[in-house]
Every structure is written in structure tokens, then in C-alpha cells.
Amino acid sequence: QECSKKQKNDDTQSASVDALSSHDGSEEKNEFDTLANAKILLSDCLACDSCMTLEEGARVFQQNQKEFFRILNLNKKCDTSKHKVLAVSICPQSLPYFAAKFSLSVNEAAKRLCGFLKSLGVHYVFDTTIAADFSILESQREFVQRYQRRNQEEHALPMFASACPGWIRYAERVLTNLVTSHICTAKSPQQIMGSLVKGYFARQQNLSPDKIFHVVVAPCYDKKLEALREDFYTALYNSPEVDCVLTSGEIVQIMEQKNVSMKDVTEVAVDSLFDDLKEGDVVRHDGKRSDGYLEHIFKHAAKELFGMDVKEITYKALKNKDFQEVTLEKDGETVLRFAAAYGFRNIQNMVLKLKKGKFLYHFVEVLACPGGCLNGKGQAQTEDGKPDRALLAQMEEVYAAIPVRLPETNLHVQKMYQDWLEGTDSKKVQDTLHTTYSAVNQSTSSLDIKW
């Protein structure tokens, strides 16, 4: 409403939110009374123009530390039938924030964060890198298929990455099906992790999905909105794949509330989805500030489509450092042209070219945040809401130093394709790892905001 300069219904909204946040009156206020309520303000917003309904606003309000503590407190009570298994999944782009902020190595940060969460009462702490493995592999496969169909299907190319919920929400709420039909159908790492925890892991532990409370620690607020999507919900068990998203900054707030320093926390190895195994050292994917969809898909496509092994990728900056392109040449001809477009100004320029029929790219890695995922508004912000550039520079150094692991080399992933997903081309793969994106009807009064 603020974004669209429309009539405000603040009183009604406040009443609705208060009613939804009151729960059953069983909150132990002294444990988290200073924690902030979850809100998405205009300064945090990555989408635009009436993007949140009243109902969504109320549900986002519940995506906060208070809800997390409500479940922790519920588990301390005697009625075991109401207890939940608490599982927390941590995004790889959040770990450099904790490492840089507390002057730790990224492996120390992961283990101390795990130790802190378990000291609160969390049962399992996972790394979402395995979910990104699945997301990248599915995106690679889809791009090659789209490229091969490019002369038969009008909307086969270009293909846009689907991992950023700010971009997805903007595309669905503001842009038309001309754009949404080009979005890769692979789920984001967050939501694939939801499928892994509420599907694969729940079955391994002989648990009903609704008995697991799944929390994701992420670098941005839009991940909260992503968790609310209706297609990321298990209707049979009345259970969302991700119950709550907390930003990295909200985790630090909990530490401050508890008067805990990361340096004083005992290191605990991060859990694995597989039996009693523990995770080893932190690994990442190719890419400077994200999960590296562009680099992985580019190298895969070069090999699969043109038989070329690309070892190193050279980025060419265009109008600014957040709009870069990568090309592949064979026999003097440019056969692949990829781009990375970060931030809404670059996204709007990209969409304008697409609508005018002047779009040259086969694939674009689209991220709503300028600077990419490390610069998510849920972390590395100063008190006045501006990017902490010194901390961000440290985070980029930490992230760049993490060893790269190719998704294809993860033996657990290959085994899960066969044992859990019934093969790489099965219906279960489509149902579990993919979704669809389409334009949402907007009112005629929608504003064409220039970012």
C-alpha cells in the first residue's frame, strides 16, 4: 500500500496481524520480548506494486523469531504429542556473514552456528548446498532441452534463472506471461531443501512431515515470501515445506538477546540428511556472490551442445558491474551468450529489450539484489539500513576462498536420484524438484514503477 500510494487500511491490518500473532497465549514473553516482529518494509522490499496481500502480510508477521521460540517452548512442555522435531537449514550465502562478523573461518562459523542453534533446542542443523546441487543439475538439464527446442517453441529461449524469489515475485506480479514462460521451472535451493527435509529426511526418520518444524536461515527477506507459496505446501499433511525463514540478522538478534557471543559457543558438526553422517568442510558452487547458475549451466551447455570443455569463464562488464555477459565462440561464431543481471534497474532494462524483440541472450542469471545474494538485505546492513560495505567486502573474500564442488560429483545426489526420485527423468523428479511460474492478474491501477 505504501509502495503504490494507495488508500491505507493500517488499523484493519494491525488488528488482523495482532489477532494472528496472539496464538494461544502460551508464549513465555520474558524469553524473547525484545525480539522484533517480522515485517517487510518499503526499504527492504525487492518486489513492488501491491505485491503483498493482507493475508500474506499477516503470515509474514509469523515468520519471525517469536514463532521459532514458540515451537522451542512447546517442546519443553509435557504434552509430547504436540512436540515438533526442529530442523534448521542454513544457506551458503549466510555463512560468510557470520564468519566475517565474528572474525571466524567459514568452517568455524558453520560449527559454532550449529552449536548455538542446538543449545536453544534445535535437533538438526543442515547445509542447503545439497539442495542447490539438485537445483543446478535440473536447471542445466532444462537449459539444454530448451536450447534443442528453440526452433520449435517460441518461449524456449531465453531461459531465466528461478532461484531468486524477489525476481520471481516481480515477474509474476508485474510482468506478463511473455516473461514468466521463460523462467526455469527448477525449484530454488530453499524449496528443494524443504522437499528434502519434509520428504526424504522425514521418511528416513519415520516421521510425518507435519511433525517437523523446518526453519531456513537466509540472507534476504523475500525468502519469507517464497516459503508462503501455495505450490510449496504438502496438502496431505497440512504442512508447508518451509515453516519459517529467519534472516542471518535475525539470528544475530537472538544471540544478542541471549547475551551469547559466537566465539564462546561450542563447535558442533553440521548434520547430514544421511543416517548419522556429519558434514565435512563447507563447500560452494562456482559463482562470485551466488550459487553460480550461470557458470554451471554455461560449462554444461558448452560440453553437451558443442563438445567444448570450458575451464575458466571470462565476464565482460557492460553498463555496470551488476550487468555482465559471457560468450562462447566456435569456428568464429558466437554460439552461446549468457548474462548476469543483478538489481531491478538491470532487470527492467533486460525485460524492456525482451519486449522489443532485441534480446540476444540464451540464459540470464537474474538476482534482485545489486551485488547478488551476499548483499541480501537480511544481513550486512548498517543500523540505518544501508549496506555495510566493509563487512560485505570481507564476506566476498570469505566466500571466494571456499572450495568449489561440482554438483555432478556429489555421490549422495546421484544415489538419491535413483533410490528416492526413481531416476533422473521420472515423474517424481518433476513433482519434487520443479514447479511452474505464471503471471498473476493485477488491478488496472497498477503502477509502472521505474527502479
Protein backbone atom coordinates (compact mmCIF):
# COMPACT_ATOMS: atom_id res chain seq x y z
CA GLN A 1 0.00 0.00 0.00
CA GLU A 2 2.83 2.39 0.82
CA CYS A 3 4.61 1.42 -2.36
CA SER A 4 1.54 2.04 -4.52
CA LYS A 5 0.48 5.22 -2.69
CA LYS A 6 -2.97 3.71 -2.27
CA GLN A 7 -5.61 4.11 0.44
CA LYS A 8 -4.19 2.71 3.66
CA ASN A 9 -6.05 0.35 5.97
CA ASP A 10 -3.50 0.41 8.75
CA ASP A 11 -5.97 -0.11 11.58
CA THR A 12 -7.56 -3.14 9.95
CA GLN A 13 -4.19 -4.60 9.06
CA SER A 14 -2.85 -4.09 12.57
CA ALA A 15 -5.90 -5.74 14.09
CA SER A 16 -5.60 -8.73 11.75
CA VAL A 17 -1.91 -9.12 12.43
CA ASP A 18 -2.36 -8.81 16.19
CA ALA A 19 -5.08 -11.44 16.15
CA LEU A 20 -2.96 -13.85 14.13
CA SER A 21 0.13 -13.31 16.24
CA SER A 22 -1.52 -13.86 19.61
CA HIS A 23 -1.52 -17.69 19.24
CA ASP A 24 -2.91 -19.41 22.32
CA GLY A 25 -1.46 -17.11 24.97
CA SER A 26 1.16 -19.66 25.92
CA GLU A 27 4.18 -17.56 24.91
CA GLU A 28 6.84 -17.09 27.56
CA LYS A 29 7.39 -13.41 26.90
CA ASN A 30 10.40 -12.99 29.14
CA GLU A 31 12.39 -15.26 26.80
CA PHE A 32 12.03 -13.17 23.66
CA ASP A 33 10.14 -10.00 24.50
CA THR A 34 12.78 -7.74 22.91
CA LEU A 35 12.85 -9.58 19.58
CA ALA A 36 11.48 -7.62 16.66
CA ASN A 37 8.34 -8.65 14.83
CA ALA A 38 8.88 -9.76 11.23
CA LYS A 39 7.86 -7.05 8.81
CA ILE A 40 8.80 -6.30 5.24
CA LEU A 41 9.19 -2.55 4.94
CA LEU A 42 9.43 -0.49 1.77
CA SER A 43 13.17 -0.16 2.39
CA ASP A 44 13.51 -3.97 2.49
CA CYS A 45 11.17 -4.69 -0.40
CA LEU A 46 12.60 -6.28 -3.51
CA ALA A 47 9.31 -6.62 -5.38
CA CYS A 48 6.80 -3.84 -6.00
CA ASP A 49 3.24 -2.62 -6.52
CA SER A 50 0.77 -4.31 -4.17
CA CYS A 51 2.95 -7.39 -4.05
CA MET A 52 1.67 -8.43 -0.62
CA THR A 53 -1.94 -9.13 0.25
CA LEU A 54 -3.26 -8.51 3.75
CA GLU A 55 -3.25 -12.24 4.42
CA GLU A 56 0.36 -12.57 3.25
CA GLY A 57 1.37 -9.65 5.44
CA ALA A 58 -0.14 -11.36 8.47
CA ARG A 59 1.57 -14.66 7.64
CA VAL A 60 4.93 -12.97 7.12
CA PHE A 61 4.45 -11.44 10.58
CA GLN A 62 4.53 -15.01 11.92
CA GLN A 63 7.80 -15.77 10.10
CA ASN A 64 9.91 -14.48 12.95
CA GLN A 65 11.97 -15.37 15.99
CA LYS A 66 8.85 -15.41 18.19
CA GLU A 67 7.36 -18.26 16.18
CA PHE A 68 10.67 -20.09 16.39
CA PHE A 69 10.70 -19.68 20.17
CA ARG A 70 7.04 -20.66 20.41
CA ILE A 71 7.95 -24.08 18.99
CA LEU A 72 11.03 -24.33 21.22
CA ASN A 73 8.88 -23.59 24.27
CA LEU A 74 6.22 -26.05 23.14
CA ASN A 75 8.86 -28.77 23.11
CA LYS A 76 9.73 -28.04 26.75
CA LYS A 77 6.21 -28.87 27.91
CA CYS A 78 4.99 -32.27 28.97
CA ASP A 79 2.46 -32.98 26.22
CA THR A 80 4.78 -34.89 23.89
CA SER A 81 2.01 -35.28 21.29
CA LYS A 82 2.49 -31.58 20.48
CA HIS A 83 6.28 -31.73 20.27
CA LYS A 84 7.99 -30.97 16.96
CA VAL A 85 11.33 -32.05 15.55
CA LEU A 86 13.15 -28.78 14.90
CA ALA A 87 15.33 -28.74 11.78
CA VAL A 88 17.26 -25.66 10.64
CA SER A 89 18.75 -25.37 7.14
CA ILE A 90 21.45 -22.75 6.53
CA CYS A 91 22.03 -21.10 3.15
CA PRO A 92 25.68 -20.99 1.97
CA GLN A 93 25.48 -17.20 1.44
CA SER A 94 24.65 -16.71 5.13
CA LEU A 95 27.80 -18.39 6.46
CA PRO A 96 30.27 -15.72 5.19
CA TYR A 97 28.23 -13.14 7.11
CA PHE A 98 28.74 -14.96 10.42
CA ALA A 99 32.39 -15.67 9.59
CA ALA A 100 33.19 -12.04 8.72
CA LYS A 101 31.11 -10.51 11.52
CA PHE A 102 32.73 -12.63 14.24
CA SER A 103 36.22 -12.98 12.68
CA LEU A 104 35.98 -16.74 12.24
CA SER A 105 36.83 -19.12 9.42
CA VAL A 106 33.78 -20.24 7.47
CA ASN A 107 34.11 -23.78 8.88
CA GLU A 108 34.29 -22.43 12.44
CA ALA A 109 31.27 -20.22 11.75
CA ALA A 110 29.24 -23.18 10.49
CA LYS A 111 30.07 -25.33 13.52
CA ARG A 112 29.53 -22.55 16.07
CA LEU A 113 26.25 -21.56 14.48
CA CYS A 114 25.22 -25.21 14.68
CA GLY A 115 26.32 -25.33 18.33
CA PHE A 116 24.34 -22.18 19.16
CA LEU A 117 21.15 -23.41 17.49
CA LYS A 118 21.39 -26.79 19.23
CA SER A 119 21.92 -25.06 22.57
CA LEU A 120 18.50 -23.45 22.02
CA GLY A 121 16.82 -26.83 21.46
CA VAL A 122 17.17 -27.40 17.72
CA HIS A 123 17.51 -31.10 16.87
CA TYR A 124 19.11 -30.98 13.40
CA VAL A 125 21.13 -28.35 11.53
CA PHE A 126 21.63 -28.85 7.78
CA ASP A 127 23.58 -27.15 4.98
CA THR A 128 21.44 -26.34 1.91
CA THR A 129 24.32 -26.86 -0.55
CA ILE A 130 22.93 -30.29 -1.45
CA ALA A 131 19.61 -28.66 -2.40
CA ALA A 132 21.49 -26.22 -4.64
CA ASP A 133 23.16 -29.26 -6.24
CA PHE A 134 19.76 -30.57 -7.28
CA SER A 135 18.56 -27.13 -8.41
CA ILE A 136 21.63 -26.55 -10.60
CA LEU A 137 21.52 -30.04 -12.13
CA GLU A 138 17.85 -29.64 -13.01
CA SER A 139 18.48 -26.15 -14.42
CA GLN A 140 21.35 -27.45 -16.55
CA ARG A 141 19.21 -30.24 -17.95
CA GLU A 142 16.31 -27.88 -18.67
CA PHE A 143 18.51 -25.36 -20.48
CA VAL A 144 19.92 -28.00 -22.84
CA GLN A 145 16.36 -29.21 -23.60
CA ARG A 146 15.13 -25.66 -24.21
CA TYR A 147 18.09 -24.93 -26.49
CA GLN A 148 17.36 -28.03 -28.53
CA ARG A 149 13.70 -26.97 -28.87
CA ARG A 150 14.44 -23.32 -29.61
CA ASN A 151 13.29 -23.51 -33.24
CA GLN A 152 10.05 -25.32 -32.39
CA GLU A 153 8.93 -23.40 -29.29
CA GLU A 154 8.55 -19.62 -29.22
CA HIS A 155 9.25 -19.30 -25.48
CA ALA A 156 12.00 -21.91 -25.20
CA LEU A 157 14.74 -19.26 -25.06
CA PRO A 158 15.91 -17.19 -23.37
CA MET A 159 15.79 -19.05 -20.06
CA PHE A 160 15.82 -17.03 -16.82
CA ALA A 161 17.12 -18.43 -13.52
CA SER A 162 14.45 -19.22 -10.91
CA ALA A 163 16.42 -19.20 -7.63
CA CYS A 164 15.70 -15.59 -6.55
CA PRO A 165 12.23 -15.09 -5.01
CA GLY A 166 12.39 -11.29 -5.36
CA TRP A 167 12.80 -11.64 -9.12
CA ILE A 168 10.14 -14.38 -9.32
CA ARG A 169 7.62 -12.33 -7.38
CA TYR A 170 8.26 -9.27 -9.54
CA ALA A 171 7.92 -11.35 -12.72
CA GLU A 172 4.64 -12.95 -11.61
CA ARG A 173 3.01 -9.85 -10.10
CA VAL A 174 4.15 -7.14 -12.52
CA LEU A 175 5.35 -8.70 -15.78
CA THR A 176 3.31 -10.78 -18.22
CA ASN A 177 3.37 -14.41 -19.32
CA LEU A 178 5.71 -13.23 -22.07
CA VAL A 179 8.35 -13.18 -19.32
CA THR A 180 7.18 -15.90 -16.90
CA SER A 181 7.12 -18.52 -19.67
CA HIS A 182 10.90 -18.08 -19.95
CA ILE A 183 11.59 -18.80 -16.26
CA CYS A 184 13.32 -22.09 -15.47
CA THR A 185 10.93 -24.49 -13.74
CA ALA A 186 13.53 -25.88 -11.30
CA LYS A 187 12.70 -25.00 -7.70
CA SER A 188 15.05 -22.76 -5.74
CA PRO A 189 17.53 -24.37 -3.31
CA GLN A 190 15.36 -23.25 -0.36
CA GLN A 191 12.29 -25.06 -1.59
CA ILE A 192 14.17 -28.15 -2.74
CA MET A 193 15.60 -28.26 0.78
CA GLY A 194 12.01 -28.15 2.00
CA SER A 195 11.24 -31.21 -0.14
CA LEU A 196 14.36 -32.97 1.15
CA VAL A 197 13.60 -32.31 4.81
CA LYS A 198 9.82 -32.90 4.71
CA GLY A 199 10.11 -35.72 2.14
CA TYR A 200 13.37 -37.69 2.10
CA PHE A 201 14.54 -36.97 5.66
CA ALA A 202 11.06 -37.41 7.17
CA ARG A 203 10.79 -40.83 5.55
CA GLN A 204 14.29 -41.81 6.74
CA GLN A 205 13.36 -40.83 10.30
CA ASN A 206 9.89 -42.39 10.06
CA LEU A 207 8.31 -39.00 10.81
CA SER A 208 5.15 -37.41 9.48
CA PRO A 209 6.10 -34.13 7.68
CA ASP A 210 3.80 -32.12 9.94
CA LYS A 211 5.85 -33.29 12.95
CA ILE A 212 8.88 -31.41 11.62
CA PHE A 213 9.21 -27.64 12.06
CA HIS A 214 11.61 -26.59 9.31
CA VAL A 215 13.43 -23.26 9.61
CA VAL A 216 15.66 -21.77 6.90
CA VAL A 217 18.39 -19.21 7.68
CA ALA A 218 18.71 -16.99 4.61
CA PRO A 219 20.35 -13.70 3.56
CA CYS A 220 17.16 -11.94 2.40
CA TYR A 221 13.58 -11.17 3.42
CA ASP A 222 12.00 -12.35 0.18
CA LYS A 223 12.73 -15.92 1.22
CA LYS A 224 9.95 -15.45 3.78
CA LEU A 225 7.51 -14.70 0.96
CA GLU A 226 8.78 -17.66 -1.05
CA ALA A 227 8.01 -20.03 1.81
CA LEU A 228 4.34 -18.94 1.66
CA ARG A 229 3.78 -20.03 -1.95
CA GLU A 230 0.83 -22.41 -2.24
CA ASP A 231 2.73 -24.76 -4.55
CA PHE A 232 5.34 -25.32 -1.81
CA TYR A 233 2.85 -26.97 0.51
CA THR A 234 2.04 -30.60 1.32
CA ALA A 235 -1.77 -30.61 1.44
CA LEU A 236 -1.98 -34.24 2.60
CA TYR A 237 -0.20 -33.37 5.86
CA ASN A 238 -1.33 -29.73 6.06
CA SER A 239 2.36 -28.83 6.14
CA PRO A 240 4.47 -26.23 4.30
CA GLU A 241 7.87 -27.40 3.07
CA VAL A 242 9.45 -24.48 4.94
CA ASP A 243 7.65 -23.40 8.12
CA CYS A 244 9.71 -20.32 8.96
CA VAL A 245 12.50 -18.24 7.42
CA LEU A 246 14.86 -16.24 9.61
CA THR A 247 17.40 -13.87 8.12
CA SER A 248 21.02 -14.02 9.21
CA GLY A 249 20.47 -10.71 11.00
CA GLU A 250 17.56 -12.14 12.97
CA ILE A 251 19.79 -14.98 14.20
CA VAL A 252 22.29 -12.37 15.43
CA GLN A 253 19.40 -10.61 17.22
CA ILE A 254 18.66 -13.85 19.05
CA MET A 255 22.31 -14.13 20.06
CA GLU A 256 22.27 -10.58 21.38
CA GLN A 257 19.01 -11.25 23.24
CA LYS A 258 20.61 -14.32 24.82
CA ASN A 259 23.82 -12.41 25.57
CA VAL A 260 25.81 -15.01 23.64
CA SER A 261 28.96 -14.42 21.62
CA MET A 262 29.73 -16.73 18.70
CA LYS A 263 33.29 -17.06 19.96
CA ASP A 264 32.05 -18.57 23.23
CA VAL A 265 29.82 -21.20 21.61
CA THR A 266 30.95 -24.83 21.44
CA GLU A 267 31.62 -26.09 17.92
CA VAL A 268 29.25 -28.85 16.78
CA ALA A 269 29.49 -30.62 13.41
CA VAL A 270 26.66 -29.84 10.98
CA ASP A 271 24.23 -32.70 10.40
CA SER A 272 23.75 -34.62 7.17
CA LEU A 273 20.47 -35.88 5.72
CA PHE A 274 22.00 -39.35 5.58
CA ASP A 275 21.84 -41.62 8.62
CA ASP A 276 24.28 -40.49 11.32
CA LEU A 277 26.81 -38.89 8.97
CA LYS A 278 28.07 -35.37 9.62
CA GLU A 279 29.00 -32.70 7.07
CA GLY A 280 32.68 -32.09 6.37
CA ASP A 281 34.22 -28.77 5.44
CA VAL A 282 31.99 -26.12 3.84
CA VAL A 283 31.92 -26.18 0.03
CA ARG A 284 30.26 -23.90 -2.51
CA HIS A 285 29.41 -23.72 -6.20
CA ASP A 286 31.02 -21.64 -8.93
CA GLY A 287 29.86 -18.02 -8.85
CA LYS A 288 31.09 -14.87 -7.18
CA ARG A 289 28.16 -14.00 -4.90
CA SER A 290 25.52 -16.65 -5.55
CA ASP A 291 25.04 -20.36 -6.26
CA GLY A 292 26.62 -19.87 -9.68
CA TYR A 293 23.83 -20.92 -12.02
CA LEU A 294 25.39 -19.00 -14.92
CA GLU A 295 28.79 -20.66 -14.65
CA HIS A 296 27.49 -24.20 -14.13
CA ILE A 297 24.89 -24.02 -16.90
CA PHE A 298 27.36 -22.34 -19.28
CA LYS A 299 30.03 -25.02 -18.82
CA HIS A 300 27.47 -27.83 -19.02
CA ALA A 301 25.87 -26.43 -22.18
CA ALA A 302 29.26 -25.90 -23.85
CA LYS A 303 30.10 -29.56 -23.24
CA GLU A 304 26.69 -31.08 -24.03
CA LEU A 305 25.79 -28.96 -27.05
CA PHE A 306 29.17 -28.15 -28.62
CA GLY A 307 31.63 -30.67 -27.16
CA MET A 308 33.78 -27.91 -25.67
CA ASP A 309 35.42 -28.07 -22.21
CA VAL A 310 35.36 -24.61 -20.62
CA LYS A 311 37.69 -24.37 -17.62
CA GLU A 312 37.56 -20.64 -16.86
CA ILE A 313 34.80 -18.14 -17.58
CA THR A 314 35.58 -14.55 -18.55
CA TYR A 315 32.96 -11.96 -17.61
CA LYS A 316 32.58 -8.79 -19.66
CA ALA A 317 31.03 -5.89 -17.71
CA LEU A 318 28.53 -3.89 -19.74
CA LYS A 319 26.65 -0.83 -18.39
CA ASN A 320 27.69 -1.53 -14.80
CA LYS A 321 29.34 -4.20 -12.65
CA ASP A 322 25.94 -5.82 -11.97
CA PHE A 323 25.26 -6.49 -15.65
CA GLN A 324 27.86 -8.77 -17.20
CA GLU A 325 27.92 -11.17 -20.11
CA VAL A 326 29.73 -14.38 -21.02
CA THR A 327 30.02 -15.73 -24.56
CA LEU A 328 31.18 -18.95 -26.20
CA GLU A 329 32.63 -18.90 -29.69
CA LYS A 330 33.08 -21.83 -32.06
CA ASP A 331 34.52 -21.53 -35.57
CA GLY A 332 34.33 -17.74 -35.34
CA GLU A 333 30.63 -17.75 -34.44
CA THR A 334 29.09 -16.85 -31.07
CA VAL A 335 27.07 -19.94 -30.15
CA LEU A 336 26.21 -19.14 -26.52
CA ARG A 337 25.56 -15.74 -24.97
CA PHE A 338 24.80 -15.65 -21.23
CA ALA A 339 24.31 -12.69 -18.86
CA ALA A 340 24.15 -11.94 -15.15
CA ALA A 341 21.63 -9.20 -14.28
CA TYR A 342 21.57 -8.11 -10.63
CA GLY A 343 19.29 -5.39 -9.23
CA PHE A 344 16.00 -4.07 -10.57
CA ARG A 345 17.41 -1.39 -12.84
CA ASN A 346 19.27 -4.05 -14.80
CA ILE A 347 16.26 -6.37 -14.67
CA GLN A 348 13.98 -3.69 -16.12
CA ASN A 349 16.42 -2.92 -18.93
CA MET A 350 16.61 -6.63 -19.68
CA VAL A 351 12.82 -7.03 -19.77
CA LEU A 352 12.44 -3.94 -21.98
CA LYS A 353 14.78 -5.48 -24.55
CA LEU A 354 12.86 -8.75 -24.42
CA LYS A 355 9.55 -6.97 -25.06
CA LYS A 356 11.08 -5.08 -28.00
CA GLY A 357 12.40 -8.28 -29.54
CA LYS A 358 16.02 -7.16 -29.18
CA PHE A 359 17.12 -9.79 -26.70
CA LEU A 360 20.40 -11.53 -27.58
CA TYR A 361 20.91 -13.83 -24.58
CA HIS A 362 20.24 -17.54 -24.27
CA PHE A 363 20.32 -17.55 -20.44
CA VAL A 364 20.27 -14.88 -17.73
CA GLU A 365 21.09 -15.36 -14.05
CA VAL A 366 18.67 -12.86 -12.51
CA LEU A 367 19.05 -11.71 -8.89
CA ALA A 368 17.02 -8.92 -7.32
CA CYS A 369 19.81 -7.68 -5.03
CA PRO A 370 22.54 -5.48 -6.51
CA GLY A 371 25.75 -7.34 -5.76
CA GLY A 372 23.99 -10.71 -5.56
CA CYS A 373 22.90 -12.93 -2.68
CA LEU A 374 25.70 -11.98 -0.28
CA ASN A 375 24.24 -8.46 -0.32
CA GLY A 376 20.80 -9.65 0.78
CA LYS A 377 19.00 -7.11 2.95
CA GLY A 378 18.74 -9.59 5.82
CA GLN A 379 22.47 -9.32 6.52
CA ALA A 380 25.42 -6.93 6.20
CA GLN A 381 23.27 -3.85 6.81
CA THR A 382 24.17 -0.88 9.00
CA GLU A 383 21.76 0.40 11.66
CA ASP A 384 20.30 2.92 9.21
CA GLY A 385 19.54 0.14 6.70
CA LYS A 386 22.39 0.79 4.27
CA PRO A 387 24.85 -1.86 3.05
CA ASP A 388 27.84 -2.34 5.34
CA ARG A 389 30.39 -2.16 2.54
CA ALA A 390 33.41 -3.03 4.68
CA LEU A 391 31.70 -6.15 6.05
CA LEU A 392 30.43 -7.07 2.58
CA ALA A 393 33.97 -6.89 1.18
CA GLN A 394 35.12 -9.27 3.92
CA MET A 395 32.21 -11.60 3.16
CA GLU A 396 33.14 -11.70 -0.53
CA GLU A 397 36.72 -12.67 0.39
CA VAL A 398 35.47 -15.42 2.69
CA TYR A 399 33.03 -16.74 0.07
CA ALA A 400 35.63 -16.73 -2.72
CA ALA A 401 38.01 -18.79 -0.55
CA ILE A 402 35.51 -21.62 -0.01
CA PRO A 403 36.42 -24.69 -2.15
CA VAL A 404 34.15 -25.34 -5.16
CA ARG A 405 32.40 -28.70 -5.57
CA LEU A 406 30.63 -29.59 -8.80
CA PRO A 407 27.04 -30.85 -8.31
CA GLU A 408 27.78 -33.78 -10.64
CA THR A 409 30.42 -35.10 -8.22
CA ASN A 410 28.08 -35.37 -5.23
CA LEU A 411 27.57 -39.12 -4.84
CA HIS A 412 24.72 -38.64 -2.37
CA VAL A 413 22.79 -36.67 -5.00
CA GLN A 414 23.32 -39.38 -7.64
CA LYS A 415 22.17 -42.06 -5.22
CA MET A 416 19.06 -40.06 -4.25
CA TYR A 417 18.11 -39.65 -7.91
CA GLN A 418 17.95 -43.43 -8.16
CA ASP A 419 16.69 -44.51 -4.72
CA TRP A 420 14.36 -41.63 -3.80
CA LEU A 421 13.39 -39.94 -7.06
CA GLU A 422 13.15 -43.11 -9.20
CA GLY A 423 15.60 -41.92 -11.88
CA THR A 424 16.60 -38.59 -13.42
CA ASP A 425 13.69 -38.44 -15.87
CA SER A 426 10.92 -39.70 -13.60
CA LYS A 427 7.58 -38.07 -12.81
CA LYS A 428 8.72 -37.87 -9.20
CA VAL A 429 11.63 -35.62 -10.24
CA GLN A 430 9.15 -33.26 -11.93
CA ASP A 431 6.80 -33.29 -8.94
CA THR A 432 9.53 -32.87 -6.32
CA LEU A 433 12.15 -30.62 -7.93
CA HIS A 434 10.08 -28.47 -10.32
CA THR A 435 7.20 -26.01 -10.21
CA THR A 436 5.51 -23.58 -12.61
CA TYR A 437 5.51 -19.78 -12.78
CA SER A 438 2.79 -17.66 -14.36
CA ALA A 439 1.63 -14.05 -14.31
CA VAL A 440 -0.78 -13.10 -11.51
CA ASN A 441 -3.65 -10.83 -12.58
CA GLN A 442 -3.13 -7.30 -11.33
CA SER A 443 -5.65 -4.50 -10.99
CA THR A 444 -5.79 -1.90 -13.75
CA SER A 445 -4.45 0.69 -11.33
CA SER A 446 -1.05 -1.00 -11.06
CA LEU A 447 1.79 1.46 -11.36
CA ASP A 448 4.73 1.01 -13.72
CA ILE A 449 7.42 1.82 -11.20
CA LYS A 450 10.85 2.75 -12.56
CA TRP A 451 13.54 1.35 -10.27
